[in-house]
């Protein structure tokens, strides 16, 4: 194999190697974007779940509060007198209970602090995230309709470069004075990097192995070419050196003969 052919083969192998590295980098970039998109979709879904849990928490508080004034003795079996009076009393109590709940829901105060406390919101948020295996630190704030912050965590920074996830609290309210929960994860990037560590490491290891194999192959090819040239030169020199005495002996024998 001539030196020109070896250089040509080396060029195409290097080109294939560079193409492989580019494909690996492109694949890792797409894997990162896909992982980030999946994470964003998961958090957006969990934010809606947090909003629903907050509504359920308020509904439970209203029902618990409004159930106390209603007479406990509302069963037909415990009401004395005519059965028709029993039914009338039972329906009246039930109707009064439902009317009070509905009235409370429509006349609820727009002040977010009176609807849910920071501790309850923190507990709901942590519970929803933990149940979906999002073990990641977060910061959040509840923002009023006019942009003022009702309450927030100590580390919340509205000017952070992180990705913010927002959801409307109590979206079923008729009132236009809505409140929004804004949440972000300061360590989101590190979390995504850790989730891709195995893929990135295996890809890097494979690329290094191929590069080393390519370099060793090229080195062996050039070394074999060099050995072939040395052997060829040696054979040529030895042939020349042997031809000289043989020619002399042949010439001498012809003269003696």
Protein backbone atom coordinates (compact mmCIF):
# COMPACT_ATOMS: atom_id res chain seq x y z
CA UNK A 1 0.00 0.00 0.00
CA UNK A 2 1.48 3.32 -1.08
CA UNK A 3 1.83 6.28 1.24
CA UNK A 4 -0.70 8.21 -0.84
CA UNK A 5 -3.32 5.52 -0.35
CA UNK A 6 -2.64 5.43 3.39
CA UNK A 7 -3.14 9.21 3.65
CA UNK A 8 -6.37 8.94 1.64
CA UNK A 9 -7.71 6.18 3.91
CA UNK A 10 -6.70 8.20 6.98
CA UNK A 11 -8.56 11.24 5.67
CA UNK A 12 -11.81 9.31 5.17
CA UNK A 13 -11.48 7.65 8.56
CA UNK A 14 -10.95 11.05 10.19
CA UNK A 15 -13.97 12.39 8.33
CA UNK A 16 -16.10 9.49 9.57
CA UNK A 17 -14.78 10.04 13.09
CA UNK A 18 -15.68 13.74 13.01
CA UNK A 19 -19.16 12.88 11.67
CA UNK A 20 -19.66 10.41 14.52
CA UNK A 21 -18.70 13.04 17.10
CA UNK A 22 -21.10 15.55 15.54
CA UNK A 23 -23.93 12.98 15.57
CA UNK A 24 -23.20 12.17 19.22
CA UNK A 25 -23.26 15.86 20.16
CA UNK A 26 -26.52 16.37 18.23
CA UNK A 27 -28.05 13.35 19.93
CA UNK A 28 -27.06 14.60 23.39
CA UNK A 29 -28.49 18.03 22.61
CA UNK A 30 -31.81 16.51 21.53
CA UNK A 31 -31.84 14.30 24.62
CA UNK A 32 -31.36 17.42 26.77
CA UNK A 33 -34.18 19.29 25.00
CA UNK A 34 -36.49 16.29 25.29
CA UNK A 35 -35.71 15.85 28.99
CA UNK A 36 -36.31 19.55 29.60
CA UNK A 37 -39.60 19.45 27.69
CA UNK A 38 -40.77 16.42 29.67
CA UNK A 39 -39.84 18.14 32.92
CA UNK A 40 -41.72 21.32 31.90
CA UNK A 41 -44.81 19.32 30.97
CA UNK A 42 -44.68 17.42 34.26
CA UNK A 43 -44.37 20.60 36.34
CA UNK A 44 -47.17 22.32 34.37
CA UNK A 45 -49.42 19.36 35.12
CA UNK A 46 -48.42 19.39 38.78
CA UNK A 47 -49.13 23.12 39.02
CA UNK A 48 -52.71 22.43 37.90
CA UNK A 49 -52.90 19.66 40.48
CA UNK A 50 -51.68 22.07 43.18
CA UNK A 51 -54.40 24.53 42.15
CA UNK A 52 -57.04 21.79 42.44
CA UNK A 53 -55.71 20.72 45.84
CA UNK A 54 -55.89 24.31 47.05
CA UNK A 55 -59.54 24.51 45.97
CA UNK A 56 -60.32 21.22 47.69
CA UNK A 57 -58.57 22.47 50.82
CA UNK A 58 -60.74 25.59 50.87
CA UNK A 59 -63.93 23.62 50.15
CA UNK A 60 -63.11 21.25 53.00
CA UNK A 61 -62.52 24.19 55.34
CA UNK A 62 -65.83 25.78 54.36
CA UNK A 63 -67.77 22.55 54.80
CA UNK A 64 -66.13 21.87 58.15
CA UNK A 65 -66.89 25.41 59.34
CA UNK A 66 -70.46 25.51 58.06
CA UNK A 67 -71.40 22.04 59.26
CA UNK A 68 -71.10 22.99 62.94
CA UNK A 69 -74.13 25.32 63.20
CA UNK A 70 -76.45 22.75 61.60
CA UNK A 71 -78.36 20.63 64.08
CA UNK A 72 -76.77 17.28 64.58
CA UNK A 73 -80.08 15.54 65.01
CA UNK A 74 -81.15 15.40 61.36
CA UNK A 75 -81.94 11.72 60.94
CA UNK A 76 -85.51 10.54 60.45
CA UNK A 77 -85.16 7.95 63.15
CA UNK A 78 -84.30 10.49 65.84
CA UNK A 79 -87.06 12.98 65.02
CA UNK A 80 -90.22 12.51 67.04
CA UNK A 81 -93.74 13.18 65.78
CA UNK A 82 -95.50 12.81 62.47
CA UNK A 83 -93.37 11.23 59.67
CA UNK A 84 -94.25 14.18 57.43
CA UNK A 85 -92.78 16.54 60.02
CA UNK A 86 -89.70 14.33 60.17
CA UNK A 87 -89.22 14.66 56.42
CA UNK A 88 -89.84 18.41 56.46
CA UNK A 89 -87.30 18.99 59.23
CA UNK A 90 -84.75 16.76 57.55
CA UNK A 91 -85.09 18.58 54.21
CA UNK A 92 -85.02 22.00 55.89
CA UNK A 93 -81.75 21.21 57.65
CA UNK A 94 -80.18 19.82 54.53
CA UNK A 95 -81.36 22.78 52.46
CA UNK A 96 -80.00 25.23 55.04
CA UNK A 97 -76.64 23.45 55.04
CA UNK A 98 -76.30 23.51 51.24
CA UNK A 99 -77.44 27.16 51.03
CA UNK A 100 -74.81 28.22 53.52
CA UNK A 101 -72.02 26.43 51.62
CA UNK A 102 -73.04 27.93 48.29
CA UNK A 103 -73.36 31.39 49.81
CA UNK A 104 -69.92 31.12 51.35
CA UNK A 105 -68.37 30.06 48.06
CA UNK A 106 -69.84 33.01 46.17
CA UNK A 107 -69.16 35.56 48.89
CA UNK A 108 -65.66 34.39 49.74
CA UNK A 109 -63.15 37.12 50.48
CA UNK A 110 -60.76 37.95 47.63
CA UNK A 111 -57.94 38.26 50.15
CA UNK A 112 -55.75 35.23 49.45
CA UNK A 113 -54.37 35.25 52.99
CA UNK A 114 -57.87 34.51 54.31
CA UNK A 115 -58.39 31.65 51.91
CA UNK A 116 -55.18 29.69 52.41
CA UNK A 117 -52.17 30.16 54.65
CA UNK A 118 -48.54 30.02 53.46
CA UNK A 119 -47.99 26.92 55.59
CA UNK A 120 -50.94 25.09 54.01
CA UNK A 121 -49.84 26.07 50.49
CA UNK A 122 -46.30 24.93 51.26
CA UNK A 123 -47.60 21.60 52.55
CA UNK A 124 -49.80 21.06 49.49
CA UNK A 125 -46.99 21.96 47.08
CA UNK A 126 -44.47 19.69 48.75
CA UNK A 127 -46.97 16.84 48.90
CA UNK A 128 -47.82 17.07 45.19
CA UNK A 129 -44.16 17.26 44.13
CA UNK A 130 -43.05 14.42 46.40
CA UNK A 131 -45.87 12.16 45.23
CA UNK A 132 -44.57 12.58 41.67
CA UNK A 133 -40.91 12.02 42.63
CA UNK A 134 -39.80 15.61 42.04
CA UNK A 135 -37.27 15.79 44.86
CA UNK A 136 -35.99 19.24 44.02
CA UNK A 137 -35.77 22.50 45.92
CA UNK A 138 -38.11 25.25 44.79
CA UNK A 139 -39.10 28.85 45.45
CA UNK A 140 -42.57 30.27 44.96
CA UNK A 141 -44.70 33.35 45.45
CA UNK A 142 -48.42 34.12 45.32
CA UNK A 143 -49.05 37.21 43.21
CA UNK A 144 -52.22 39.31 43.39
CA UNK A 145 -54.15 40.50 40.35
CA UNK A 146 -52.41 43.90 40.55
CA UNK A 147 -48.90 42.39 40.58
CA UNK A 148 -48.24 42.72 44.31
CA UNK A 149 -46.81 39.68 46.10
CA UNK A 150 -49.16 38.36 48.78
CA UNK A 151 -46.57 36.01 50.28
CA UNK A 152 -43.51 34.14 49.11
CA UNK A 153 -40.67 31.92 50.23
CA UNK A 154 -37.54 33.52 51.61
CA UNK A 155 -35.42 32.71 48.58
CA UNK A 156 -37.89 33.78 45.90
CA UNK A 157 -36.33 36.15 43.36
CA UNK A 158 -38.65 37.63 40.69
CA UNK A 159 -35.60 38.60 38.61
CA UNK A 160 -34.07 35.12 38.54
CA UNK A 161 -33.01 33.67 35.18
CA UNK A 162 -34.74 30.38 36.00
CA UNK A 163 -37.84 29.11 34.19
CA UNK A 164 -41.01 30.19 36.01
CA UNK A 165 -44.14 28.03 36.16
CA UNK A 166 -47.40 29.80 36.89
CA UNK A 167 -50.94 28.71 37.64
CA UNK A 168 -54.07 30.57 38.63
CA UNK A 169 -55.32 29.81 42.12
CA UNK A 170 -59.07 29.31 42.48
CA UNK A 171 -59.69 29.43 38.71
CA UNK A 172 -63.41 28.80 39.15
CA UNK A 173 -63.93 32.08 41.00
CA UNK A 174 -66.37 34.54 39.43
CA UNK A 175 -64.34 37.45 40.79
CA UNK A 176 -61.80 38.99 38.41
CA UNK A 177 -59.39 39.58 41.29
CA UNK A 178 -57.48 36.41 40.59
CA UNK A 179 -54.29 35.30 42.31
CA UNK A 180 -51.43 33.51 40.60
CA UNK A 181 -48.87 31.14 42.01
CA UNK A 182 -45.40 31.50 40.47
CA UNK A 183 -42.85 28.75 41.11
CA UNK A 184 -39.33 27.98 39.89
CA UNK A 185 -36.52 25.52 40.63
CA UNK A 186 -33.08 27.10 41.23
CA UNK A 187 -31.31 23.76 40.67
CA UNK A 188 -33.29 22.67 37.63
CA UNK A 189 -30.25 22.61 35.33
CA UNK A 190 -28.21 20.49 37.75
CA UNK A 191 -31.18 18.15 38.13
CA UNK A 192 -31.42 17.66 34.35
CA UNK A 193 -27.65 17.19 34.06
CA UNK A 194 -27.72 14.44 36.69
CA UNK A 195 -30.60 12.72 34.92
CA UNK A 196 -28.52 12.60 31.71
CA UNK A 197 -25.21 11.65 33.35
CA UNK A 198 -25.41 7.97 32.41
CA UNK A 199 -26.25 8.67 28.77
CA UNK A 200 -23.58 11.36 28.44
CA UNK A 201 -20.93 9.20 30.11
CA UNK A 202 -21.67 6.15 27.95
CA UNK A 203 -21.67 8.29 24.80
CA UNK A 204 -18.37 9.94 25.77
CA UNK A 205 -16.80 6.58 26.62
CA UNK A 206 -17.84 5.12 23.26
CA UNK A 207 -16.50 8.15 21.38
CA UNK A 208 -13.15 8.01 23.20
CA UNK A 209 -12.85 4.29 22.47
CA UNK A 210 -13.48 4.87 18.76
CA UNK A 211 -11.02 7.78 18.60
CA UNK A 212 -8.30 5.74 20.31
CA UNK A 213 -8.95 2.80 17.98
CA UNK A 214 -8.73 5.13 14.99
CA UNK A 215 -5.45 6.65 16.19
CA UNK A 216 -3.91 3.24 16.91
CA UNK A 217 -5.00 1.94 13.49
CA UNK A 218 -3.42 4.89 11.69
CA UNK A 219 -0.24 4.53 13.75
CA UNK A 220 0.02 0.82 12.93
CA UNK A 221 -0.58 1.49 9.25
CA UNK A 222 2.26 4.02 9.06
CA UNK A 223 4.54 1.80 11.14
CA UNK A 224 3.88 -1.17 8.84
CA UNK A 225 4.53 1.04 5.84
CA UNK A 226 7.84 2.14 7.37
CA UNK A 227 8.84 -1.48 8.15
CA UNK A 228 7.94 -2.48 4.62
CA UNK A 229 10.19 0.26 3.22
CA UNK A 230 13.07 -0.75 5.52
CA UNK A 231 12.73 -4.38 4.48
CA UNK A 232 12.63 -3.44 0.82
CA UNK A 233 15.76 -1.28 1.20
CA UNK A 234 17.51 -4.08 3.10
CA UNK A 235 16.75 -6.65 0.43
CA UNK A 236 17.92 -4.26 -2.30
CA UNK A 237 21.19 -3.53 -0.49
CA UNK A 238 21.86 -7.18 0.27
CA UNK A 239 21.16 -8.14 -3.34
CA UNK A 240 23.56 -5.50 -4.54
CA UNK A 241 26.26 -6.52 -2.08
CA UNK A 242 25.93 -10.19 -3.04
CA UNK A 243 25.92 -9.51 -6.74
CA UNK A 244 29.32 -7.72 -6.58
CA UNK A 245 31.47 -10.66 -5.27
CA UNK A 246 29.61 -13.16 -7.39
CA UNK A 247 30.33 -11.12 -10.51
CA UNK A 248 34.02 -10.87 -9.52
CA UNK A 249 34.30 -14.63 -8.94
CA UNK A 250 32.55 -15.31 -12.20
CA UNK A 251 34.88 -12.99 -14.06
CA UNK A 252 37.96 -14.54 -12.39
CA UNK A 253 36.85 -18.07 -13.23
CA UNK A 254 36.35 -17.12 -16.84
CA UNK A 255 39.87 -15.65 -16.98
CA UNK A 256 41.43 -18.74 -15.38
CA UNK A 257 39.52 -20.98 -17.69
